[in-house]
N, C-alpha and C. Protein backbone atom coordinates (compact mmCIF):
# COMPACT_ATOMS: atom_id res chain seq x y z
N UNK A 1 106.06 102.14 78.09
CA UNK A 1 104.28 102.07 78.93
C UNK A 1 104.37 103.60 79.06
N UNK A 2 103.67 103.77 79.21
CA UNK A 2 103.53 105.44 80.59
C UNK A 2 103.44 106.54 79.66
N UNK A 3 104.31 107.14 79.21
CA UNK A 3 104.62 108.54 79.30
C UNK A 3 104.11 108.84 77.01
N UNK A 4 103.66 108.03 76.46
CA UNK A 4 103.83 107.79 74.68
C UNK A 4 102.36 107.38 75.05
N UNK A 5 102.28 106.95 75.92
CA UNK A 5 100.22 106.65 75.90
C UNK A 5 99.52 108.11 76.26
N UNK A 6 98.69 107.94 75.81
CA UNK A 6 97.42 108.88 76.06
C UNK A 6 96.49 108.16 77.05
N UNK A 7 96.47 108.94 77.95
CA UNK A 7 96.48 108.61 79.97
C UNK A 7 94.50 108.63 79.41
N UNK A 8 93.72 107.67 79.91
CA UNK A 8 91.62 107.81 79.38
C UNK A 8 92.07 108.57 80.49
N UNK A 9 90.86 109.08 80.93
CA UNK A 9 89.81 109.83 81.50
C UNK A 9 88.42 109.10 81.40
N UNK A 10 87.99 109.53 83.13
CA UNK A 10 86.45 109.12 82.95
C UNK A 10 85.43 110.56 82.17
N UNK A 11 84.52 109.55 82.17
CA UNK A 11 83.00 111.22 82.46
C UNK A 11 82.78 112.55 83.70
N UNK A 12 83.46 113.10 83.16
CA UNK A 12 84.04 114.61 84.74
C UNK A 12 82.02 115.17 84.24
N UNK A 13 81.07 114.88 85.74
CA UNK A 13 79.93 115.81 85.37
C UNK A 13 80.38 117.00 86.28
N UNK A 14 79.19 118.10 86.11
CA UNK A 14 79.48 119.32 86.67
C UNK A 14 79.51 118.93 88.30
N UNK A 15 79.54 117.78 89.02
CA UNK A 15 79.47 117.43 90.21
C UNK A 15 81.07 117.45 90.66
N UNK A 16 81.13 116.35 89.99
CA UNK A 16 82.85 116.24 89.46
C UNK A 16 84.07 117.76 89.88
N UNK A 17 83.25 118.30 89.13
CA UNK A 17 83.79 119.45 88.88
C UNK A 17 83.61 120.26 89.91
N UNK A 18 82.66 120.75 90.21
CA UNK A 18 82.73 121.56 91.37
C UNK A 18 83.19 120.69 93.11
N UNK A 19 82.96 119.16 93.05
CA UNK A 19 84.44 118.72 94.56
C UNK A 19 85.26 119.15 93.89
N UNK A 20 86.38 119.01 92.94
CA UNK A 20 87.74 119.20 92.82
C UNK A 20 88.28 120.12 92.44
N UNK A 21 86.86 121.40 92.03
CA UNK A 21 86.89 122.69 92.40
C UNK A 21 86.74 123.11 93.96
N UNK A 22 86.26 122.91 94.77
CA UNK A 22 85.96 122.86 96.18
C UNK A 22 87.56 122.90 96.83
N UNK A 23 88.78 121.91 96.45
CA UNK A 23 89.39 121.85 97.08
C UNK A 23 90.49 122.35 96.37
N UNK A 24 90.16 123.88 95.39
CA UNK A 24 91.31 124.75 95.21
C UNK A 24 91.22 123.68 93.94
N UNK A 25 91.49 123.15 93.35
CA UNK A 25 92.26 123.09 92.00
C UNK A 25 91.20 123.19 90.78
N UNK A 26 91.98 125.14 90.62
CA UNK A 26 90.91 125.93 89.32
C UNK A 26 90.95 125.08 88.18
N UNK A 27 90.53 125.98 87.10
CA UNK A 27 91.84 126.05 86.33
C UNK A 27 91.42 124.78 85.19
N UNK A 28 90.87 123.68 85.26
CA UNK A 28 91.49 122.38 84.90
C UNK A 28 90.73 122.23 84.20
N UNK A 29 90.60 121.97 83.06
CA UNK A 29 90.17 121.11 81.91
C UNK A 29 88.71 119.83 82.27
N UNK A 30 87.96 119.73 81.38
CA UNK A 30 87.14 118.11 81.86
C UNK A 30 88.30 117.13 81.60
N UNK A 31 89.33 116.92 80.80
CA UNK A 31 89.95 115.59 80.84
C UNK A 31 90.75 115.88 81.54
N UNK A 32 91.39 117.17 82.31
CA UNK A 32 92.42 116.59 83.07
C UNK A 32 91.39 116.58 85.08
N UNK A 33 90.66 117.14 84.51
CA UNK A 33 89.70 116.68 85.71
C UNK A 33 89.68 114.99 85.90
N UNK A 34 89.13 115.00 84.49
CA UNK A 34 88.48 113.24 84.67
C UNK A 34 89.87 112.51 84.92
N UNK A 35 91.53 113.08 84.70
CA UNK A 35 91.84 112.47 84.55
C UNK A 35 92.77 112.35 85.84
N UNK A 36 92.59 112.82 86.99
CA UNK A 36 93.06 112.84 88.43
C UNK A 36 92.43 113.51 89.25
N UNK A 37 90.79 113.07 88.91
CA UNK A 37 89.86 112.91 89.82
C UNK A 37 89.66 112.29 91.09
N UNK A 38 90.30 111.05 90.70
CA UNK A 38 90.44 108.99 91.60
C UNK A 38 92.04 109.02 91.80
N UNK A 39 93.10 110.12 91.67
CA UNK A 39 94.03 109.87 92.03
C UNK A 39 94.25 110.76 93.45
N UNK A 40 93.59 111.96 93.02
CA UNK A 40 93.03 112.74 94.53
C UNK A 40 93.28 112.24 95.47
N UNK A 41 92.48 110.81 95.57
CA UNK A 41 92.15 110.49 96.40
C UNK A 41 92.68 109.33 97.33
N UNK A 42 94.09 109.39 96.62
CA UNK A 42 94.94 107.92 96.74
C UNK A 42 95.49 108.54 98.69
N UNK A 43 96.06 110.15 98.08
CA UNK A 43 97.09 110.75 99.89
C UNK A 43 95.27 109.31 100.74
N UNK A 44 94.56 111.12 101.03
CA UNK A 44 93.65 110.55 101.80
C UNK A 44 93.46 108.45 102.37
N UNK A 45 93.27 108.12 101.20
CA UNK A 45 92.78 106.61 101.35
C UNK A 45 94.40 106.14 102.12
N UNK A 46 95.38 106.41 101.31
CA UNK A 46 96.30 105.66 102.48
C UNK A 46 96.18 106.67 104.12
N UNK A 47 96.11 107.67 104.17
CA UNK A 47 95.55 108.08 105.45
C UNK A 47 94.44 107.96 106.53
N UNK A 48 93.41 107.95 105.63
CA UNK A 48 91.93 106.82 105.95
C UNK A 48 92.87 105.66 106.45
N UNK A 49 93.23 104.19 105.75
CA UNK A 49 93.80 103.13 105.96
C UNK A 49 94.76 103.34 107.27
N UNK A 50 95.56 104.08 107.66
CA UNK A 50 97.00 104.28 108.54
C UNK A 50 95.96 104.15 109.95
N UNK A 51 94.70 105.43 110.03
CA UNK A 51 94.16 105.42 110.55
C UNK A 51 92.87 104.27 111.28
N UNK A 52 92.40 104.42 110.95
CA UNK A 52 91.75 103.20 110.73
C UNK A 52 92.92 102.24 111.63
N UNK A 53 93.97 101.73 111.06
CA UNK A 53 94.59 100.56 111.59
C UNK A 53 94.90 100.65 112.76
N UNK A 54 95.52 102.59 112.86
CA UNK A 54 96.27 102.13 114.35
C UNK A 54 94.48 103.15 114.97
N UNK A 55 93.17 103.37 115.06
CA UNK A 55 92.01 103.78 115.86
C UNK A 55 91.83 102.04 116.53
N UNK A 56 91.78 101.46 115.36
CA UNK A 56 91.41 99.99 115.69
C UNK A 56 91.83 99.42 117.04
N UNK A 57 93.61 99.50 116.78
CA UNK A 57 94.88 98.98 117.85
C UNK A 57 94.92 99.85 118.54
N UNK A 58 93.61 100.74 118.84
CA UNK A 58 94.25 101.93 120.17
C UNK A 58 95.27 102.52 120.38
N UNK A 59 96.54 102.54 119.56
CA UNK A 59 98.18 102.72 119.21
C UNK A 59 98.00 104.01 118.93
N UNK A 60 98.74 104.61 120.20
CA UNK A 60 99.36 106.22 119.90
C UNK A 60 100.38 105.81 119.01
N UNK A 61 101.38 105.54 119.33
CA UNK A 61 102.81 105.14 118.46
C UNK A 61 102.26 105.13 117.03
N UNK A 62 101.31 104.18 116.00
CA UNK A 62 100.64 104.50 115.38
C UNK A 62 100.35 105.73 114.64
N UNK A 63 99.27 105.86 115.30
CA UNK A 63 98.84 107.31 115.23
C UNK A 63 100.02 108.84 115.42
N UNK A 64 100.64 108.56 116.09
CA UNK A 64 102.29 109.63 115.69
C UNK A 64 102.60 109.49 114.59
N UNK A 65 102.63 108.26 113.95
CA UNK A 65 104.12 108.50 112.85
C UNK A 65 103.72 108.58 111.68
N UNK A 66 101.78 109.21 111.70
CA UNK A 66 101.64 109.26 110.87
C UNK A 66 101.15 110.54 111.10
N UNK A 67 101.52 111.74 111.57
CA UNK A 67 101.02 112.67 112.01
C UNK A 67 101.58 113.72 111.19
N UNK A 68 103.31 113.11 110.80
CA UNK A 68 104.33 114.04 110.40
C UNK A 68 103.68 114.44 109.01
N UNK A 69 103.52 112.88 108.27
CA UNK A 69 102.97 112.54 107.14
C UNK A 69 101.68 113.94 106.67
N UNK A 70 100.70 113.41 107.63
CA UNK A 70 99.83 114.44 107.13
C UNK A 70 100.32 116.41 107.87
N UNK A 71 100.29 116.80 108.68
CA UNK A 71 101.86 117.80 108.39
C UNK A 71 101.92 118.61 106.95
N UNK A 72 102.92 117.45 106.91
CA UNK A 72 103.66 118.01 105.07
C UNK A 72 103.15 118.55 104.78
N UNK A 73 101.38 117.57 104.72
CA UNK A 73 100.64 117.83 103.08
C UNK A 73 99.70 119.40 103.69
N UNK A 74 99.81 120.10 104.95
CA UNK A 74 99.37 120.97 104.64
C UNK A 74 100.63 122.26 104.58
N UNK A 75 101.43 122.01 105.20
CA UNK A 75 103.04 122.55 104.49
C UNK A 75 103.39 122.58 103.41
N UNK A 76 103.41 121.77 102.65
CA UNK A 76 104.43 121.37 101.58
C UNK A 76 103.02 121.74 100.08
N UNK A 77 103.39 121.89 98.27
CA UNK A 77 103.02 122.25 97.79
C UNK A 77 102.58 120.77 97.37
N UNK A 78 102.44 119.36 97.72
CA UNK A 78 101.38 118.41 97.94
C UNK A 78 102.22 117.63 98.81
N UNK A 79 101.42 116.34 99.39
CA UNK A 79 101.11 115.54 99.81
C UNK A 79 102.48 114.50 100.08
N UNK A 80 102.94 113.74 100.55
CA UNK A 80 104.34 112.87 101.10
C UNK A 80 103.77 111.87 100.09
N UNK A 81 102.53 110.97 100.20
CA UNK A 81 101.74 110.27 99.92
C UNK A 81 101.74 110.14 98.04
N UNK A 82 101.71 111.42 97.49
CA UNK A 82 101.65 111.55 96.17
C UNK A 82 102.39 111.30 95.55
N UNK A 83 103.19 110.73 95.95
CA UNK A 83 104.72 110.39 95.38
C UNK A 83 104.13 109.33 95.01
N UNK A 84 103.48 107.71 95.45
CA UNK A 84 102.99 107.24 95.22
C UNK A 84 102.90 107.14 93.58
N UNK A 85 102.15 107.92 93.67
CA UNK A 85 101.69 108.15 92.42
C UNK A 85 102.29 109.08 91.49
N UNK A 86 103.33 109.67 91.92
CA UNK A 86 103.93 110.58 90.98
C UNK A 86 105.04 109.98 90.28
N UNK A 87 105.81 108.63 90.68
CA UNK A 87 107.18 108.24 90.36
C UNK A 87 106.53 106.55 90.36
N UNK A 88 104.98 106.56 90.28
CA UNK A 88 105.30 104.97 90.67
C UNK A 88 103.94 104.80 89.67
N UNK A 89 102.80 104.78 89.65
CA UNK A 89 101.52 104.81 89.53
C UNK A 89 101.73 105.28 88.10
N UNK A 90 102.02 106.80 88.28
CA UNK A 90 101.66 107.55 87.22
C UNK A 90 102.53 107.60 85.99
N UNK A 91 103.61 106.83 85.60
CA UNK A 91 104.99 105.72 85.01
C UNK A 91 103.76 104.92 84.16
N UNK A 92 103.20 103.69 84.46
CA UNK A 92 102.31 103.36 83.54
C UNK A 92 101.09 103.85 83.57
N UNK A 93 100.59 105.00 84.13
CA UNK A 93 99.51 105.72 83.40
C UNK A 93 99.21 106.02 82.46
N UNK A 94 100.55 107.04 82.40
CA UNK A 94 100.48 108.15 81.44
C UNK A 94 99.74 108.70 82.15
N UNK A 95 99.93 109.75 83.25
CA UNK A 95 98.17 110.26 83.83
C UNK A 95 99.43 111.81 83.77
N UNK A 96 98.46 113.02 84.23
CA UNK A 96 99.16 114.23 84.39
C UNK A 96 99.28 114.11 85.92
N UNK A 97 100.64 114.65 85.93
CA UNK A 97 101.33 115.65 87.13
C UNK A 97 99.40 115.73 88.25
N UNK A 98 100.03 115.49 89.26
CA UNK A 98 98.72 116.14 90.63
C UNK A 98 99.13 117.74 90.41
N UNK A 99 98.57 118.68 90.13
CA UNK A 99 98.82 120.27 91.13
C UNK A 99 99.09 120.19 92.40
N UNK A 100 99.57 121.51 92.57
CA UNK A 100 100.06 121.90 93.23
C UNK A 100 98.66 121.78 94.40
N UNK A 101 98.95 121.79 95.62
CA UNK A 101 98.23 121.36 96.67
C UNK A 101 97.15 123.40 96.16
N UNK A 102 96.46 123.51 96.55
CA UNK A 102 96.45 124.89 96.68
C UNK A 102 95.61 125.01 98.36
N UNK A 103 95.11 126.10 98.92
CA UNK A 103 95.24 126.17 100.50
C UNK A 103 93.69 124.99 100.85
N UNK A 104 92.73 124.84 99.96
CA UNK A 104 91.40 124.12 100.69
C UNK A 104 91.93 122.61 101.12
N UNK A 105 92.65 122.27 100.09
CA UNK A 105 93.82 121.14 100.56
C UNK A 105 95.01 121.06 101.51
N UNK A 106 95.11 122.38 101.18
CA UNK A 106 96.36 122.12 102.91
C UNK A 106 95.25 122.18 104.29
N UNK A 107 94.31 123.12 103.92
CA UNK A 107 93.48 123.02 105.27
C UNK A 107 92.60 121.23 105.59
N UNK A 108 92.83 121.17 104.39
CA UNK A 108 92.55 119.32 105.13
C UNK A 108 93.51 118.79 105.40
N UNK A 109 94.68 119.08 105.16
CA UNK A 109 95.79 118.06 106.25
C UNK A 109 95.73 118.91 107.31
N UNK A 110 95.62 119.72 107.33
CA UNK A 110 95.95 120.46 108.72
C UNK A 110 95.04 119.44 109.07
N UNK A 111 93.56 119.74 109.14
CA UNK A 111 92.22 119.69 109.98
C UNK A 111 93.27 117.77 110.32
N UNK A 112 93.36 117.50 109.07
CA UNK A 112 93.55 116.22 109.33
C UNK A 112 94.64 115.88 110.65
N UNK A 113 95.84 116.66 110.61
CA UNK A 113 96.94 116.61 111.61
C UNK A 113 96.07 116.57 112.65
N UNK A 114 95.10 117.39 112.91
CA UNK A 114 95.16 118.23 114.30
C UNK A 114 93.71 117.45 115.48
N UNK A 115 93.41 116.20 114.35
CA UNK A 115 92.68 115.25 114.45
C UNK A 115 93.73 113.74 115.01
N UNK A 116 94.41 113.72 114.21
CA UNK A 116 95.12 112.65 114.73
C UNK A 116 96.17 112.64 116.29
N UNK A 117 96.30 113.65 116.52
CA UNK A 117 97.02 114.25 117.87
C UNK A 117 95.82 114.70 118.32
N UNK A 118 94.73 114.43 118.18
CA UNK A 118 93.89 113.91 119.40
C UNK A 118 93.57 113.26 119.37
N UNK A 119 94.09 112.06 118.74
CA UNK A 119 93.43 110.29 118.93
C UNK A 119 95.03 109.63 119.84
N UNK A 120 96.08 110.09 119.26
CA UNK A 120 97.16 110.01 119.66
C UNK A 120 97.36 110.03 121.04
N UNK A 121 96.94 111.46 120.66
CA UNK A 121 96.96 111.94 122.44
C UNK A 121 96.35 111.18 123.59
N UNK A 122 95.01 111.08 122.85
CA UNK A 122 93.89 110.38 123.71
C UNK A 122 94.09 109.07 124.54
N UNK A 123 94.81 108.35 122.95
CA UNK A 123 94.52 106.93 123.73
C UNK A 123 96.43 106.79 124.52
N UNK A 124 96.92 108.09 124.07
CA UNK A 124 98.45 107.96 125.23
C UNK A 124 98.44 108.30 126.31
N UNK A 125 96.98 108.84 126.59
CA UNK A 125 96.78 109.58 128.17
C UNK A 125 95.79 108.55 127.98
N UNK A 126 95.43 107.68 128.26
CA UNK A 126 94.05 106.86 129.18
C UNK A 126 92.97 107.00 128.22
N UNK A 127 92.52 108.24 127.16
CA UNK A 127 91.56 108.72 126.79
C UNK A 127 90.98 107.73 126.18
N UNK A 128 90.69 106.69 126.08
CA UNK A 128 89.72 105.95 124.84
C UNK A 128 88.78 106.05 124.27
N UNK A 129 88.00 106.70 125.33
CA UNK A 129 86.27 107.68 124.79
C UNK A 129 87.47 108.01 123.05
N UNK A 130 87.92 109.62 123.76
CA UNK A 130 88.19 110.68 123.22
C UNK A 130 88.93 110.14 121.63
N UNK A 131 90.48 108.73 122.10
CA UNK A 131 91.61 108.31 120.87
C UNK A 131 89.92 107.92 119.74
N UNK A 132 88.44 107.18 120.11
CA UNK A 132 88.40 106.22 119.55
C UNK A 132 87.14 107.79 118.19
N UNK A 133 86.84 108.76 119.00
CA UNK A 133 86.25 109.75 118.74
C UNK A 133 86.38 110.43 117.31
N UNK A 134 87.96 110.82 117.53
CA UNK A 134 88.44 111.31 116.97
C UNK A 134 88.71 110.05 116.20
N UNK A 135 89.55 109.13 116.03
CA UNK A 135 90.32 108.33 114.86
C UNK A 135 89.38 107.81 113.88
N UNK A 136 88.34 107.86 114.66
CA UNK A 136 86.48 107.01 113.32
C UNK A 136 86.71 108.26 113.27
N UNK A 137 86.24 109.56 113.80
CA UNK A 137 86.22 110.66 113.12
C UNK A 137 86.76 110.90 111.98
N UNK A 138 87.90 110.96 112.05
CA UNK A 138 88.95 111.34 110.69
C UNK A 138 88.86 110.43 109.58
N UNK A 139 88.31 108.65 109.81
CA UNK A 139 88.36 107.81 108.94
C UNK A 139 87.21 107.32 108.23
N UNK A 140 85.45 108.34 109.27
CA UNK A 140 84.67 109.05 108.38
C UNK A 140 85.40 110.05 107.65
N UNK A 141 85.19 111.29 108.43
CA UNK A 141 84.94 111.86 106.61
C UNK A 141 86.85 112.06 105.77
N UNK A 142 87.76 110.89 106.08
CA UNK A 142 87.81 111.19 104.91
C UNK A 142 87.91 109.78 103.60
N UNK A 143 86.65 108.68 104.03
CA UNK A 143 85.88 107.50 103.94
C UNK A 143 85.06 108.35 102.53
N UNK A 144 84.40 109.30 103.12
CA UNK A 144 84.04 110.24 102.61
C UNK A 144 84.09 111.21 101.62
N UNK A 145 85.30 111.38 101.41
CA UNK A 145 86.54 112.17 100.34
C UNK A 145 86.77 110.52 99.30
N UNK A 146 87.15 110.27 99.69
CA UNK A 146 87.63 108.84 99.10
C UNK A 146 86.44 107.87 98.27
N UNK A 147 85.61 107.78 98.31
CA UNK A 147 84.29 107.35 97.59
C UNK A 147 83.09 108.24 96.89
N UNK A 148 83.57 109.06 97.45
CA UNK A 148 82.55 110.22 96.89
C UNK A 148 83.46 111.59 96.00
N UNK A 149 84.39 112.35 96.42
CA UNK A 149 85.48 113.07 96.32
C UNK A 149 85.22 113.56 97.24
N UNK A 150 83.61 113.67 97.46
CA UNK A 150 83.12 115.13 98.45
C UNK A 150 84.60 115.90 99.37
N UNK A 151 84.94 116.42 99.30
CA UNK A 151 86.13 116.72 100.93
C UNK A 151 85.38 117.45 102.20
N UNK A 152 85.00 117.30 103.56
CA UNK A 152 84.31 117.86 104.15
C UNK A 152 84.68 118.96 104.72
N UNK A 153 86.21 118.77 105.21
CA UNK A 153 87.01 120.40 105.19
C UNK A 153 87.56 121.25 104.27
N UNK A 154 87.54 120.64 103.14
CA UNK A 154 87.31 121.86 101.97
C UNK A 154 86.08 122.27 102.35
N UNK A 155 85.35 121.81 102.12
CA UNK A 155 84.10 122.86 102.60
C UNK A 155 83.96 124.33 103.96
N UNK A 156 84.22 122.89 104.56
CA UNK A 156 84.71 124.13 105.68
C UNK A 156 85.21 125.27 105.30
N UNK A 157 86.56 125.17 104.60
CA UNK A 157 86.97 125.95 104.40
C UNK A 157 86.57 126.98 103.59
N UNK A 158 85.75 126.16 102.92
CA UNK A 158 85.18 127.75 101.15
C UNK A 158 83.83 128.32 102.29
N UNK A 159 82.93 127.91 103.97
CA UNK A 159 82.37 128.26 104.23
C UNK A 159 82.84 129.17 105.03
N UNK A 160 83.89 128.97 105.62
CA UNK A 160 85.36 129.98 106.09
C UNK A 160 85.19 131.55 105.10
N UNK A 161 86.37 130.93 104.60
CA UNK A 161 86.61 130.99 103.29
C UNK A 161 86.06 132.24 102.53
N UNK A 162 84.95 131.66 102.11
CA UNK A 162 84.26 131.50 100.70
C UNK A 162 85.09 130.74 100.18
N UNK A 163 83.98 130.02 99.03
CA UNK A 163 84.30 129.14 98.17
C UNK A 163 86.02 129.46 96.79
N UNK A 164 87.02 129.16 96.71
CA UNK A 164 87.80 128.90 95.63
C UNK A 164 87.41 129.45 94.33
N UNK A 165 87.94 130.84 93.39
CA UNK A 165 87.11 131.39 92.71
C UNK A 165 85.94 130.50 91.75
N UNK A 166 86.30 130.01 91.14
CA UNK A 166 84.80 129.84 90.22
C UNK A 166 84.33 128.81 91.25
N UNK A 167 84.05 128.04 91.82
CA UNK A 167 83.37 126.80 92.19
C UNK A 167 81.58 127.41 93.58
N UNK A 168 81.33 126.25 93.00
CA UNK A 168 80.17 127.20 93.76
C UNK A 168 79.77 126.17 95.02
N UNK A 169 79.35 126.33 96.15
CA UNK A 169 80.05 125.17 96.99
C UNK A 169 77.90 124.18 97.07
N UNK A 170 78.36 122.75 96.99
CA UNK A 170 76.98 122.10 96.54
C UNK A 170 75.62 122.34 97.70
């Protein structure tokens, strides 16, 4: 199943292209973008869910456990949670590999790491309000990405350092 099958792709709008390119994924044709645009949201969805659980429980240990994964997303050419797609889902869908993470996407993982550290440290220190602000702030930002494909940290990266190559800021 998978490798010999031509993967389907959804229609790609100019907004889809801008949102994928704003994360630094440049040089992809419409077919490639259509095939990966939703899978690029898998790792943020897992992080969002994990963060929501840790924040709702006000659990520093739950959030500290997520920190290394978020940091690895900033340091490595891909996020560890992308392995679920690469070695699992992709085998059944026949989809393409997720490209290496460019700087805007890594910047998003770095900001998520900092917010997780802020939330975990706040809960651990007894500053519940701070933990809630950091935790639900991260969940909210991830929810925007997961539901629309718009990555707030990548947008901020574009404002600070200029948008990647061919993309334009929305």
